Amino acid sequence: MYKVLLLVLFTFSCSGSDKQPLSIVKAHQELLNQGDLTAALQYWQPSKRQELSGFGFEAVSSMFSGLKLEPSSIKQECVNNKCTVSGDSFKDGELIKVTYTLVNIDDVFYLSNIQSKNTLKTH
């Protein structure tokens, strides 16, 4: 019985940390989609917040608002203190591949970059 309990605790502790970058991406994207740029900016790496505040973050918002990642396309990869979360989304009739890069600072993940690539135009 103790081995089963230990296994369950280990599974929960590992699965929680594995999902953290994805949950951050989803929360950030939801705030962007709602137009709450001030709250969305808080998910960014502290050293980039000053750089992005103002017009810089408005540009990020205009490029990435309105996206919703297709759940079946989401992939997360973590190596050391860096994770990438990528997935497909549709925006304005185009299939877009989006990649979010997160870094771990003091056991907290922050966004450090977002990139997109249009892959297919639909009619």
PDB file of N, CA and C in Angstrom:
ATOM      1  N   MET A   1       0.811  -1.191   0.000  1.00  0.00           N
ATOM      2  CA  MET A   1       0.000   0.000   0.000  1.00  0.00           C
ATOM      3  C   MET A   1       0.859   1.261   0.000  1.00  0.00           C
ATOM      4  N   TYR A   2       1.946   1.262   0.761  1.00  0.00           N
ATOM      5  CA  TYR A   2       2.804   2.434   0.820  1.00  0.00           C
ATOM      6  C   TYR A   2       3.491   2.701  -0.513  1.00  0.00           C
ATOM      7  N   LYS A   3       3.835   1.632  -1.222  1.00  0.00           N
ATOM      8  CA  LYS A   3       4.471   1.806  -2.530  1.00  0.00           C
ATOM      9  C   LYS A   3       3.512   2.471  -3.510  1.00  0.00           C
ATOM     10  N   VAL A   4       2.243   2.092  -3.450  1.00  0.00           N
ATOM     11  CA  VAL A   4       1.242   2.685  -4.335  1.00  0.00           C
ATOM     12  C   VAL A   4       1.054   4.151  -3.994  1.00  0.00           C
ATOM     13  N   LEU A   5       0.964   4.488  -2.722  1.00  0.00           N
ATOM     14  CA  LEU A   5       0.807   5.867  -2.291  1.00  0.00           C
ATOM     15  C   LEU A   5       2.005   6.701  -2.719  1.00  0.00           C
ATOM     16  N   LEU A   6       3.206   6.176  -2.557  1.00  0.00           N
ATOM     17  CA  LEU A   6       4.413   6.872  -2.968  1.00  0.00           C
ATOM     18  C   LEU A   6       4.416   7.098  -4.472  1.00  0.00           C
ATOM     19  N   LEU A   7       4.008   6.102  -5.234  1.00  0.00           N
ATOM     20  CA  LEU A   7       3.942   6.233  -6.685  1.00  0.00           C
ATOM     21  C   LEU A   7       2.937   7.303  -7.087  1.00  0.00           C
ATOM     22  N   VAL A   8       1.792   7.356  -6.431  1.00  0.00           N
ATOM     23  CA  VAL A   8       0.781   8.368  -6.733  1.00  0.00           C
ATOM     24  C   VAL A   8       1.314   9.761  -6.427  1.00  0.00           C
ATOM     25  N   LEU A   9       1.960   9.943  -5.295  1.00  0.00           N
ATOM     26  CA  LEU A   9       2.535  11.238  -4.956  1.00  0.00           C
ATOM     27  C   LEU A   9       3.609  11.646  -5.949  1.00  0.00           C
ATOM     28  N   PHE A  10       4.459  10.729  -6.341  1.00  0.00           N
ATOM     29  CA  PHE A  10       5.504  11.013  -7.314  1.00  0.00           C
ATOM     30  C   PHE A  10       4.898  11.410  -8.657  1.00  0.00           C
ATOM     31  N   THR A  11       3.848  10.705  -9.071  1.00  0.00           N
ATOM     32  CA  THR A  11       3.185  11.012 -10.339  1.00  0.00           C
ATOM     33  C   THR A  11       2.585  12.405 -10.315  1.00  0.00           C
ATOM     34  N   PHE A  12       1.922  12.778  -9.213  1.00  0.00           N
ATOM     35  CA  PHE A  12       1.344  14.108  -9.126  1.00  0.00           C
ATOM     36  C   PHE A  12       2.415  15.187  -9.128  1.00  0.00           C
ATOM     37  N   SER A  13       3.508  14.968  -8.426  1.00  0.00           N
ATOM     38  CA  SER A  13       4.546  15.995  -8.375  1.00  0.00           C
ATOM     39  C   SER A  13       5.215  16.163  -9.730  1.00  0.00           C
ATOM     40  N   CYS A  14       5.411  15.104 -10.461  1.00  0.00           N
ATOM     41  CA  CYS A  14       6.031  15.222 -11.784  1.00  0.00           C
ATOM     42  C   CYS A  14       5.068  15.818 -12.794  1.00  0.00           C
ATOM     43  N   SER A  15       3.829  15.389 -12.780  1.00  0.00           N
ATOM     44  CA  SER A  15       2.885  15.891 -13.771  1.00  0.00           C
ATOM     45  C   SER A  15       2.596  17.370 -13.549  1.00  0.00           C
ATOM     46  N   GLY A  16       2.612  17.840 -12.321  1.00  0.00           N
ATOM     47  CA  GLY A  16       2.367  19.253 -12.061  1.00  0.00           C
ATOM     48  C   GLY A  16       3.445  20.131 -12.649  1.00  0.00           C
ATOM     49  N   SER A  17       4.696  19.738 -12.495  1.00  0.00           N
ATOM     50  CA  SER A  17       5.776  20.561 -13.027  1.00  0.00           C
ATOM     51  C   SER A  17       5.845  20.467 -14.545  1.00  0.00           C
ATOM     52  N   ASP A  18       5.453  19.318 -15.113  1.00  0.00           N
ATOM     53  CA  ASP A  18       5.462  19.180 -16.560  1.00  0.00           C
ATOM     54  C   ASP A  18       4.441  20.096 -17.218  1.00  0.00           C
ATOM     55  N   LYS A  19       3.328  20.350 -16.546  1.00  0.00           N
ATOM     56  CA  LYS A  19       2.261  21.140 -17.147  1.00  0.00           C
ATOM     57  C   LYS A  19       2.422  22.631 -16.900  1.00  0.00           C
ATOM     58  N   GLN A  20       3.288  23.018 -16.018  1.00  0.00           N
ATOM     59  CA  GLN A  20       3.395  24.424 -15.672  1.00  0.00           C
ATOM     60  C   GLN A  20       3.649  25.325 -16.878  1.00  0.00           C
ATOM     61  N   PRO A  21       4.615  25.051 -17.747  1.00  0.00           N
ATOM     62  CA  PRO A  21       4.806  25.926 -18.903  1.00  0.00           C
ATOM     63  C   PRO A  21       3.556  26.015 -19.792  1.00  0.00           C
ATOM     64  N   LEU A  22       2.886  24.906 -20.011  1.00  0.00           N
ATOM     65  CA  LEU A  22       1.681  24.919 -20.833  1.00  0.00           C
ATOM     66  C   LEU A  22       0.581  25.755 -20.184  1.00  0.00           C
ATOM     67  N   SER A  23       0.404  25.640 -18.889  1.00  0.00           N
ATOM     68  CA  SER A  23      -0.629  26.436 -18.216  1.00  0.00           C
ATOM     69  C   SER A  23      -0.300  27.926 -18.269  1.00  0.00           C
ATOM     70  N   ILE A  24       0.970  28.277 -18.224  1.00  0.00           N
ATOM     71  CA  ILE A  24       1.389  29.671 -18.345  1.00  0.00           C
ATOM     72  C   ILE A  24       1.075  30.186 -19.743  1.00  0.00           C
ATOM     73  N   VAL A  25       1.381  29.394 -20.753  1.00  0.00           N
ATOM     74  CA  VAL A  25       1.091  29.780 -22.138  1.00  0.00           C
ATOM     75  C   VAL A  25      -0.414  29.999 -22.317  1.00  0.00           C
ATOM     76  N   LYS A  26      -1.215  29.073 -21.815  1.00  0.00           N
ATOM     77  CA  LYS A  26      -2.668  29.187 -21.970  1.00  0.00           C
ATOM     78  C   LYS A  26      -3.205  30.423 -21.252  1.00  0.00           C
ATOM     79  N   ALA A  27      -2.734  30.679 -20.027  1.00  0.00           N
ATOM     80  CA  ALA A  27      -3.199  31.843 -19.276  1.00  0.00           C
ATOM     81  C   ALA A  27      -2.790  33.136 -19.979  1.00  0.00           C
ATOM     82  N   HIS A  28      -1.553  33.204 -20.455  1.00  0.00           N
ATOM     83  CA  HIS A  28      -1.076  34.387 -21.168  1.00  0.00           C
ATOM     84  C   HIS A  28      -1.897  34.612 -22.427  1.00  0.00           C
ATOM     85  N   GLN A  29      -2.129  33.545 -23.183  1.00  0.00           N
ATOM     86  CA  GLN A  29      -2.869  33.670 -24.435  1.00  0.00           C
ATOM     87  C   GLN A  29      -4.310  34.117 -24.188  1.00  0.00           C
ATOM     88  N   GLU A  30      -4.916  33.601 -23.136  1.00  0.00           N
ATOM     89  CA  GLU A  30      -6.283  33.998 -22.800  1.00  0.00           C
ATOM     90  C   GLU A  30      -6.347  35.497 -22.471  1.00  0.00           C
ATOM     91  N   LEU A  31      -5.377  35.988 -21.720  1.00  0.00           N
ATOM     92  CA  LEU A  31      -5.336  37.418 -21.390  1.00  0.00           C
ATOM     93  C   LEU A  31      -5.120  38.266 -22.637  1.00  0.00           C
ATOM     94  N   LEU A  32      -4.239  37.821 -23.537  1.00  0.00           N
ATOM     95  CA  LEU A  32      -4.052  38.537 -24.804  1.00  0.00           C
ATOM     96  C   LEU A  32      -5.356  38.592 -25.585  1.00  0.00           C
ATOM     97  N   ASN A  33      -6.041  37.462 -25.659  1.00  0.00           N
ATOM     98  CA  ASN A  33      -7.292  37.392 -26.404  1.00  0.00           C
ATOM     99  C   ASN A  33      -8.375  38.291 -25.796  1.00  0.00           C
ATOM    100  N   GLN A  34      -8.317  38.490 -24.484  1.00  0.00           N
ATOM    101  CA  GLN A  34      -9.273  39.359 -23.801  1.00  0.00           C
ATOM    102  C   GLN A  34      -8.863  40.827 -23.866  1.00  0.00           C
ATOM    103  N   GLY A  35      -7.649  41.093 -24.330  1.00  0.00           N
ATOM    104  CA  GLY A  35      -7.165  42.468 -24.410  1.00  0.00           C
ATOM    105  C   GLY A  35      -6.593  43.000 -23.109  1.00  0.00           C
ATOM    106  N   ASP A  36      -6.344  42.134 -22.142  1.00  0.00           N
ATOM    107  CA  ASP A  36      -5.779  42.550 -20.857  1.00  0.00           C
ATOM    108  C   ASP A  36      -4.250  42.493 -20.940  1.00  0.00           C
ATOM    109  N   LEU A  37      -3.682  43.502 -21.576  1.00  0.00           N
ATOM    110  CA  LEU A  37      -2.241  43.500 -21.845  1.00  0.00           C
ATOM    111  C   LEU A  37      -1.408  43.656 -20.581  1.00  0.00           C
ATOM    112  N   THR A  38      -1.898  44.414 -19.618  1.00  0.00           N
ATOM    113  CA  THR A  38      -1.153  44.608 -18.371  1.00  0.00           C
ATOM    114  C   THR A  38      -0.961  43.283 -17.652  1.00  0.00           C
ATOM    115  N   ALA A  39      -2.029  42.503 -17.545  1.00  0.00           N
ATOM    116  CA  ALA A  39      -1.929  41.202 -16.879  1.00  0.00           C
ATOM    117  C   ALA A  39      -1.102  40.223 -17.707  1.00  0.00           C
ATOM    118  N   ALA A  40      -1.259  40.247 -19.025  1.00  0.00           N
ATOM    119  CA  ALA A  40      -0.505  39.337 -19.896  1.00  0.00           C
ATOM    120  C   ALA A  40       0.993  39.602 -19.802  1.00  0.00           C
ATOM    121  N   LEU A  41       1.365  40.852 -19.660  1.00  0.00           N
ATOM    122  CA  LEU A  41       2.785  41.218 -19.579  1.00  0.00           C
ATOM    123  C   LEU A  41       3.461  40.616 -18.351  1.00  0.00           C
ATOM    124  N   GLN A  42       2.695  40.328 -17.299  1.00  0.00           N
ATOM    125  CA  GLN A  42       3.266  39.776 -16.075  1.00  0.00           C
ATOM    126  C   GLN A  42       3.786  38.352 -16.259  1.00  0.00           C
ATOM    127  N   TYR A  43       3.384  37.688 -17.322  1.00  0.00           N
ATOM    128  CA  TYR A  43       3.880  36.339 -17.602  1.00  0.00           C
ATOM    129  C   TYR A  43       5.238  36.349 -18.301  1.00  0.00           C
ATOM    130  N   TRP A  44       5.720  37.528 -18.670  1.00  0.00           N
ATOM    131  CA  TRP A  44       6.990  37.636 -19.375  1.00  0.00           C
ATOM    132  C   TRP A  44       8.162  37.713 -18.403  1.00  0.00           C
ATOM    133  N   GLN A  45       9.295  37.300 -18.898  1.00  0.00           N
ATOM    134  CA  GLN A  45      10.548  37.346 -18.147  1.00  0.00           C
ATOM    135  C   GLN A  45      10.735  38.767 -17.600  1.00  0.00           C
ATOM    136  N   PRO A  46      11.036  38.914 -16.309  1.00  0.00           N
ATOM    137  CA  PRO A  46      11.143  40.256 -15.713  1.00  0.00           C
ATOM    138  C   PRO A  46      12.050  41.208 -16.488  1.00  0.00           C
ATOM    139  N   SER A  47      13.160  40.736 -17.003  1.00  0.00           N
ATOM    140  CA  SER A  47      14.070  41.630 -17.732  1.00  0.00           C
ATOM    141  C   SER A  47      13.488  42.109 -19.062  1.00  0.00           C
ATOM    142  N   LYS A  48      12.457  41.435 -19.580  1.00  0.00           N
ATOM    143  CA  LYS A  48      11.851  41.836 -20.845  1.00  0.00           C
ATOM    144  C   LYS A  48      10.603  42.705 -20.665  1.00  0.00           C
ATOM    145  N   ARG A  49      10.058  42.737 -19.456  1.00  0.00           N
ATOM    146  CA  ARG A  49       8.835  43.508 -19.224  1.00  0.00           C
ATOM    147  C   ARG A  49       9.013  44.982 -19.549  1.00  0.00           C
ATOM    148  N   GLN A  50      10.102  45.573 -19.081  1.00  0.00           N
ATOM    149  CA  GLN A  50      10.370  46.995 -19.342  1.00  0.00           C
ATOM    150  C   GLN A  50      10.509  47.236 -20.840  1.00  0.00           C
ATOM    151  N   GLU A  51      11.234  46.362 -21.497  1.00  0.00           N
ATOM    152  CA  GLU A  51      11.460  46.475 -22.939  1.00  0.00           C
ATOM    153  C   GLU A  51      10.141  46.376 -23.715  1.00  0.00           C
ATOM    154  N   LEU A  52       9.245  45.492 -23.276  1.00  0.00           N
ATOM    155  CA  LEU A  52       7.994  45.262 -23.988  1.00  0.00           C
ATOM    156  C   LEU A  52       6.871  46.220 -23.612  1.00  0.00           C
ATOM    157  N   SER A  53       6.968  46.842 -22.446  1.00  0.00           N
ATOM    158  CA  SER A  53       5.871  47.706 -22.014  1.00  0.00           C
ATOM    159  C   SER A  53       5.677  48.836 -23.021  1.00  0.00           C
ATOM    160  N   GLY A  54       4.433  49.217 -23.187  1.00  0.00           N
ATOM    161  CA  GLY A  54       4.111  50.269 -24.149  1.00  0.00           C
ATOM    162  C   GLY A  54       3.926  49.713 -25.548  1.00  0.00           C
ATOM    163  N   PHE A  55       4.482  50.424 -26.517  1.00  0.00           N
ATOM    164  CA  PHE A  55       4.255  50.075 -27.919  1.00  0.00           C
ATOM    165  C   PHE A  55       4.760  48.678 -28.273  1.00  0.00           C
ATOM    166  N   GLY A  56       5.854  48.251 -27.682  1.00  0.00           N
ATOM    167  CA  GLY A  56       6.406  46.931 -27.989  1.00  0.00           C
ATOM    168  C   GLY A  56       5.438  45.809 -27.691  1.00  0.00           C
ATOM    169  N   PHE A  57       4.733  45.913 -26.583  1.00  0.00           N
ATOM    170  CA  PHE A  57       3.795  44.852 -26.236  1.00  0.00           C
ATOM    171  C   PHE A  57       2.511  44.965 -27.048  1.00  0.00           C
ATOM    172  N   GLU A  58       2.154  46.165 -27.465  1.00  0.00           N
ATOM    173  CA  GLU A  58       1.004  46.315 -28.363  1.00  0.00           C
ATOM    174  C   GLU A  58       1.271  45.596 -29.676  1.00  0.00           C
ATOM    175  N   ALA A  59       2.503  45.629 -30.146  1.00  0.00           N
ATOM    176  CA  ALA A  59       2.865  44.907 -31.377  1.00  0.00           C
ATOM    177  C   ALA A  59       2.739  43.402 -31.151  1.00  0.00           C
ATOM    178  N   VAL A  60       3.211  42.914 -30.020  1.00  0.00           N
ATOM    179  CA  VAL A  60       3.070  41.494 -29.682  1.00  0.00           C
ATOM    180  C   VAL A  60       1.595  41.130 -29.638  1.00  0.00           C
ATOM    181  N   SER A  61       0.804  41.970 -29.008  1.00  0.00           N
ATOM    182  CA  SER A  61      -0.622  41.712 -28.881  1.00  0.00           C
ATOM    183  C   SER A  61      -1.305  41.651 -30.248  1.00  0.00           C
ATOM    184  N   SER A  62      -0.989  42.579 -31.126  1.00  0.00           N
ATOM    185  CA  SER A  62      -1.647  42.575 -32.439  1.00  0.00           C
ATOM    186  C   SER A  62      -1.265  41.341 -33.252  1.00  0.00           C
ATOM    187  N   MET A  63      -0.064  40.843 -33.075  1.00  0.00           N
ATOM    188  CA  MET A  63       0.379  39.660 -33.816  1.00  0.00           C
ATOM    189  C   MET A  63      -0.200  38.366 -33.243  1.00  0.00           C
ATOM    190  N   PHE A  64      -0.358  38.290 -31.929  1.00  0.00           N
ATOM    191  CA  PHE A  64      -0.688  37.012 -31.299  1.00  0.00           C
ATOM    192  C   PHE A  64      -2.052  36.959 -30.621  1.00  0.00           C
ATOM    193  N   SER A  65      -2.802  38.053 -30.603  1.00  0.00           N
ATOM    194  CA  SER A  65      -4.144  37.962 -30.013  1.00  0.00           C
ATOM    195  C   SER A  65      -5.070  37.249 -30.992  1.00  0.00           C
ATOM    196  N   GLY A  66      -6.082  36.616 -30.449  1.00  0.00           N
ATOM    197  CA  GLY A  66      -7.038  35.888 -31.281  1.00  0.00           C
ATOM    198  C   GLY A  66      -6.629  34.465 -31.601  1.00  0.00           C
ATOM    199  N   LEU A  67      -5.501  34.021 -31.070  1.00  0.00           N
ATOM    200  CA  LEU A  67      -5.050  32.659 -31.321  1.00  0.00           C
ATOM    201  C   LEU A  67      -5.631  31.711 -30.285  1.00  0.00           C
ATOM    202  N   LYS A  68      -5.938  30.508 -30.728  1.00  0.00           N
ATOM    203  CA  LYS A  68      -6.332  29.441 -29.808  1.00  0.00           C
ATOM    204  C   LYS A  68      -5.635  28.180 -30.304  1.00  0.00           C
ATOM    205  N   LEU A  69      -4.745  27.660 -29.478  1.00  0.00           N
ATOM    206  CA  LEU A  69      -3.994  26.470 -29.871  1.00  0.00           C
ATOM    207  C   LEU A  69      -4.910  25.270 -30.000  1.00  0.00           C
ATOM    208  N   GLU A  70      -4.733  24.523 -31.084  1.00  0.00           N
ATOM    209  CA  GLU A  70      -5.467  23.280 -31.275  1.00  0.00           C
ATOM    210  C   GLU A  70      -4.899  22.257 -30.290  1.00  0.00           C
ATOM    211  N   PRO A  71      -5.715  21.728 -29.364  1.00  0.00           N
ATOM    212  CA  PRO A  71      -5.200  20.841 -28.319  1.00  0.00           C
ATOM    213  C   PRO A  71      -4.413  19.638 -28.852  1.00  0.00           C
ATOM    214  N   SER A  72      -4.831  19.067 -29.968  1.00  0.00           N
ATOM    215  CA  SER A  72      -4.142  17.867 -30.475  1.00  0.00           C
ATOM    216  C   SER A  72      -2.767  18.188 -31.055  1.00  0.00           C
ATOM    217  N   SER A  73      -2.478  19.464 -31.309  1.00  0.00           N
ATOM    218  CA  SER A  73      -1.196  19.828 -31.918  1.00  0.00           C
ATOM    219  C   SER A  73      -0.161  20.303 -30.905  1.00  0.00           C
ATOM    220  N   ILE A  74      -0.538  20.470 -29.650  1.00  0.00           N
ATOM    221  CA  ILE A  74       0.355  21.054 -28.652  1.00  0.00           C
ATOM    222  C   ILE A  74       1.468  20.083 -28.274  1.00  0.00           C
ATOM    223  N   LYS A  75       2.690  20.610 -28.307  1.00  0.00           N
ATOM    224  CA  LYS A  75       3.870  19.843 -27.895  1.00  0.00           C
ATOM    225  C   LYS A  75       4.666  20.695 -26.923  1.00  0.00           C
ATOM    226  N   GLN A  76       5.171  20.047 -25.887  1.00  0.00           N
ATOM    227  CA  GLN A  76       6.001  20.733 -24.908  1.00  0.00           C
ATOM    228  C   GLN A  76       7.308  19.981 -24.760  1.00  0.00           C
ATOM    229  N   GLU A  77       8.395  20.720 -24.825  1.00  0.00           N
ATOM    230  CA  GLU A  77       9.727  20.130 -24.625  1.00  0.00           C
ATOM    231  C   GLU A  77      10.492  20.990 -23.636  1.00  0.00           C
ATOM    232  N   CYS A  78      11.087  20.339 -22.648  1.00  0.00           N
ATOM    233  CA  CYS A  78      11.871  21.060 -21.647  1.00  0.00           C
ATOM    234  C   CYS A  78      13.267  20.456 -21.551  1.00  0.00           C
ATOM    235  N   VAL A  79      14.256  21.319 -21.550  1.00  0.00           N
ATOM    236  CA  VAL A  79      15.652  20.922 -21.368  1.00  0.00           C
ATOM    237  C   VAL A  79      16.269  21.930 -20.407  1.00  0.00           C
ATOM    238  N   ASN A  80      16.791  21.400 -19.317  1.00  0.00           N
ATOM    239  CA  ASN A  80      17.388  22.237 -18.267  1.00  0.00           C
ATOM    240  C   ASN A  80      16.384  23.293 -17.815  1.00  0.00           C
ATOM    241  N   ASN A  81      16.709  24.561 -17.963  1.00  0.00           N
ATOM    242  CA  ASN A  81      15.835  25.645 -17.494  1.00  0.00           C
ATOM    243  C   ASN A  81      15.073  26.329 -18.611  1.00  0.00           C
ATOM    244  N   LYS A  82      14.873  25.637 -19.724  1.00  0.00           N
ATOM    245  CA  LYS A  82      14.203  26.237 -20.875  1.00  0.00           C
ATOM    246  C   LYS A  82      13.161  25.263 -21.420  1.00  0.00           C
ATOM    247  N   CYS A  83      11.971  25.773 -21.711  1.00  0.00           N
ATOM    248  CA  CYS A  83      10.904  24.960 -22.297  1.00  0.00           C
ATOM    249  C   CYS A  83      10.361  25.644 -23.540  1.00  0.00           C
ATOM    250  N   THR A  84       9.918  24.850 -24.477  1.00  0.00           N
ATOM    251  CA  THR A  84       9.172  25.373 -25.614  1.00  0.00           C
ATOM    252  C   THR A  84       7.820  24.681 -25.650  1.00  0.00           C
ATOM    253  N   VAL A  85       6.815  25.469 -25.943  1.00  0.00           N
ATOM    254  CA  VAL A  85       5.458  24.966 -26.141  1.00  0.00           C
ATOM    255  C   VAL A  85       5.073  25.407 -27.538  1.00  0.00           C
ATOM    256  N   SER A  86       4.727  24.460 -28.381  1.00  0.00           N
ATOM    257  CA  SER A  86       4.356  24.804 -29.747  1.00  0.00           C
ATOM    258  C   SER A  86       3.034  24.153 -30.099  1.00  0.00           C
ATOM    259  N   GLY A  87       2.367  24.747 -31.067  1.00  0.00           N
ATOM    260  CA  GLY A  87       1.099  24.206 -31.511  1.00  0.00           C
ATOM    261  C   GLY A  87       0.577  24.978 -32.708  1.00  0.00           C
ATOM    262  N   ASP A  88      -0.511  24.470 -33.261  1.00  0.00           N
ATOM    263  CA  ASP A  88      -1.143  25.087 -34.429  1.00  0.00           C
ATOM    264  C   ASP A  88      -2.352  25.894 -33.997  1.00  0.00           C
ATOM    265  N   SER A  89      -2.599  26.971 -34.731  1.00  0.00           N
ATOM    266  CA  SER A  89      -3.753  27.816 -34.483  1.00  0.00           C
ATOM    267  C   SER A  89      -4.213  28.406 -35.809  1.00  0.00           C
ATOM    268  N   PHE A  90      -5.481  28.774 -35.888  1.00  0.00           N
ATOM    269  CA  PHE A  90      -5.984  29.470 -37.061  1.00  0.00           C
ATOM    270  C   PHE A  90      -6.201  30.928 -36.708  1.00  0.00           C
ATOM    271  N   LYS A  91      -5.806  31.806 -37.637  1.00  0.00           N
ATOM    272  CA  LYS A  91      -6.067  33.240 -37.486  1.00  0.00           C
ATOM    273  C   LYS A  91      -6.277  33.814 -38.876  1.00  0.00           C
ATOM    274  N   ASP A  92      -7.381  34.479 -39.058  1.00  0.00           N
ATOM    275  CA  ASP A  92      -7.714  35.095 -40.347  1.00  0.00           C
ATOM    276  C   ASP A  92      -7.632  34.103 -41.498  1.00  0.00           C
ATOM    277  N   GLY A  93      -8.099  32.883 -41.265  1.00  0.00           N
ATOM    278  CA  GLY A  93      -8.125  31.872 -42.317  1.00  0.00           C
ATOM    279  C   GLY A  93      -6.791  31.218 -42.616  1.00  0.00           C
ATOM    280  N   GLU A  94      -5.788  31.482 -41.814  1.00  0.00           N
ATOM    281  CA  GLU A  94      -4.470  30.895 -42.030  1.00  0.00           C
ATOM    282  C   GLU A  94      -4.094  29.993 -40.860  1.00  0.00           C
ATOM    283  N   LEU A  95      -3.475  28.866 -41.199  1.00  0.00           N
ATOM    284  CA  LEU A  95      -2.941  27.984 -40.179  1.00  0.00           C
ATOM    285  C   LEU A  95      -1.586  28.528 -39.760  1.00  0.00           C
ATOM    286  N   ILE A  96      -1.435  28.752 -38.477  1.00  0.00           N
ATOM    287  CA  ILE A  96      -0.208  29.348 -37.952  1.00  0.00           C
ATOM    288  C   ILE A  96       0.418  28.390 -36.948  1.00  0.00           C
ATOM    289  N   LYS A  97       1.703  28.159 -37.104  1.00  0.00           N
ATOM    290  CA  LYS A  97       2.489  27.383 -36.138  1.00  0.00           C
ATOM    291  C   LYS A  97       3.079  28.392 -35.152  1.00  0.00           C
ATOM    292  N   VAL A  98       2.738  28.237 -33.873  1.00  0.00           N
ATOM    293  CA  VAL A  98       3.183  29.172 -32.840  1.00  0.00           C
ATOM    294  C   VAL A  98       4.113  28.449 -31.874  1.00  0.00           C
ATOM    295  N   THR A  99       5.217  29.083 -31.540  1.00  0.00           N
ATOM    296  CA  THR A  99       6.164  28.523 -30.579  1.00  0.00           C
ATOM    297  C   THR A  99       6.428  29.547 -29.485  1.00  0.00           C
ATOM    298  N   TYR A 100       6.158  29.134 -28.261  1.00  0.00           N
ATOM    299  CA  TYR A 100       6.406  29.956 -27.080  1.00  0.00           C
ATOM    300  C   TYR A 100       7.657  29.401 -26.407  1.00  0.00           C
ATOM    301  N   THR A 101       8.584  30.276 -26.052  1.00  0.00           N
ATOM    302  CA  THR A 101       9.784  29.869 -25.321  1.00  0.00           C
ATOM    303  C   THR A 101       9.670  30.420 -23.905  1.00  0.00           C
ATOM    304  N   LEU A 102       9.918  29.544 -22.941  1.00  0.00           N
ATOM    305  CA  LEU A 102       9.863  29.936 -21.536  1.00  0.00           C
ATOM    306  C   LEU A 102      11.187  29.605 -20.864  1.00  0.00           C
ATOM    307  N   VAL A 103      11.557  30.427 -19.905  1.00  0.00           N
ATOM    308  CA  VAL A 103      12.760  30.175 -19.121  1.00  0.00           C
ATOM    309  C   VAL A 103      12.376  30.067 -17.650  1.00  0.00           C
ATOM    310  N   ASN A 104      13.120  29.246 -16.930  1.00  0.00           N
ATOM    311  CA  ASN A 104      12.888  29.039 -15.509  1.00  0.00           C
ATOM    312  C   ASN A 104      13.842  29.933 -14.733  1.00  0.00           C
ATOM    313  N   ILE A 105      13.261  30.839 -13.954  1.00  0.00           N
ATOM    314  CA  ILE A 105      14.043  31.730 -13.102  1.00  0.00           C
ATOM    315  C   ILE A 105      13.532  31.558 -11.682  1.00  0.00           C
ATOM    316  N   ASP A 106      14.393  31.089 -10.799  1.00  0.00           N
ATOM    317  CA  ASP A 106      14.024  30.872  -9.392  1.00  0.00           C
ATOM    318  C   ASP A 106      12.773  29.994  -9.273  1.00  0.00           C
ATOM    319  N   ASP A 107      12.755  28.893 -10.039  1.00  0.00           N
ATOM    320  CA  ASP A 107      11.674  27.899 -10.014  1.00  0.00           C
ATOM    321  C   ASP A 107      10.335  28.421 -10.528  1.00  0.00           C
ATOM    322  N   VAL A 108      10.351  29.478 -11.304  1.00  0.00           N
ATOM    323  CA  VAL A 108       9.137  30.003 -11.927  1.00  0.00           C
ATOM    324  C   VAL A 108       9.410  30.155 -13.420  1.00  0.00           C
ATOM    325  N   PHE A 109       8.471  29.675 -14.251  1.00  0.00           N
ATOM    326  CA  PHE A 109       8.624  29.825 -15.695  1.00  0.00           C
ATOM    327  C   PHE A 109       8.036  31.155 -16.159  1.00  0.00           C
ATOM    328  N   TYR A 110       8.786  31.822 -17.061  1.00  0.00           N
ATOM    329  CA  TYR A 110       8.359  33.081 -17.666  1.00  0.00           C
ATOM    330  C   TYR A 110       8.522  32.973 -19.177  1.00  0.00           C
ATOM    331  N   LEU A 111       7.664  33.652 -19.908  1.00  0.00           N
ATOM    332  CA  LEU A 111       7.820  33.725 -21.358  1.00  0.00           C
ATOM    333  C   LEU A 111       9.043  34.562 -21.687  1.00  0.00           C
ATOM    334  N   SER A 112       9.800  34.117 -22.656  1.00  0.00           N
ATOM    335  CA  SER A 112      10.935  34.919 -23.118  1.00  0.00           C
ATOM    336  C   SER A 112      10.832  35.234 -24.607  1.00  0.00           C
ATOM    337  N   ASN A 113       9.967  34.499 -25.337  1.00  0.00           N
ATOM    338  CA  ASN A 113       9.841  34.741 -26.774  1.00  0.00           C
ATOM    339  C   ASN A 113       8.589  34.048 -27.303  1.00  0.00           C
ATOM    340  N   ILE A 114       7.997  34.622 -28.343  1.00  0.00           N
ATOM    341  CA  ILE A 114       6.920  33.978 -29.087  1.00  0.00           C
ATOM    342  C   ILE A 114       7.249  34.154 -30.562  1.00  0.00           C
ATOM    343  N   GLN A 115       7.139  33.071 -31.301  1.00  0.00           N
ATOM    344  CA  GLN A 115       7.373  33.119 -32.746  1.00  0.00           C
ATOM    345  C   GLN A 115       6.207  32.453 -33.452  1.00  0.00           C
ATOM    346  N   SER A 116       5.940  32.902 -34.676  1.00  0.00           N
ATOM    347  CA  SER A 116       4.887  32.263 -35.461  1.00  0.00           C
ATOM    348  C   SER A 116       5.345  32.112 -36.904  1.00  0.00           C
ATOM    349  N   LYS A 117       4.706  31.149 -37.556  1.00  0.00           N
ATOM    350  CA  LYS A 117       4.992  30.906 -38.960  1.00  0.00           C
ATOM    351  C   LYS A 117       3.689  30.490 -39.628  1.00  0.00           C
ATOM    352  N   ASN A 118       3.288  31.215 -40.659  1.00  0.00           N
ATOM    353  CA  ASN A 118       2.100  30.847 -41.419  1.00  0.00           C
ATOM    354  C   ASN A 118       2.451  29.629 -42.256  1.00  0.00           C
ATOM    355  N   THR A 119       1.598  28.602 -42.170  1.00  0.00           N
ATOM    356  CA  THR A 119       1.928  27.356 -42.873  1.00  0.00           C
ATOM    357  C   THR A 119       0.982  27.009 -43.993  1.00  0.00           C
ATOM    358  N   LEU A 120      -0.266  27.500 -43.929  1.00  0.00           N
ATOM    359  CA  LEU A 120      -1.248  27.114 -44.945  1.00  0.00           C
ATOM    360  C   LEU A 120      -2.364  28.118 -44.983  1.00  0.00           C
ATOM    361  N   LYS A 121      -2.759  28.525 -46.158  1.00  0.00           N
ATOM    362  CA  LYS A 121      -3.883  29.437 -46.313  1.00  0.00           C
ATOM    363  C   LYS A 121      -5.123  28.610 -46.631  1.00  0.00           C
ATOM    364  N   THR A 122      -6.211  28.874 -45.896  1.00  0.00           N
ATOM    365  CA  THR A 122      -7.473  28.189 -46.160  1.00  0.00           C
ATOM    366  C   THR A 122      -8.448  29.172 -46.784  1.00  0.00           C
ATOM    367  N   HIS A 123      -9.454  28.664 -47.444  1.00  0.00           N
ATOM    368  CA  HIS A 123     -10.414  29.546 -48.111  1.00  0.00           C
ATOM    369  C   HIS A 123     -11.696  29.608 -47.366  1.00  0.00           C
TER     370      HIS A 123
END
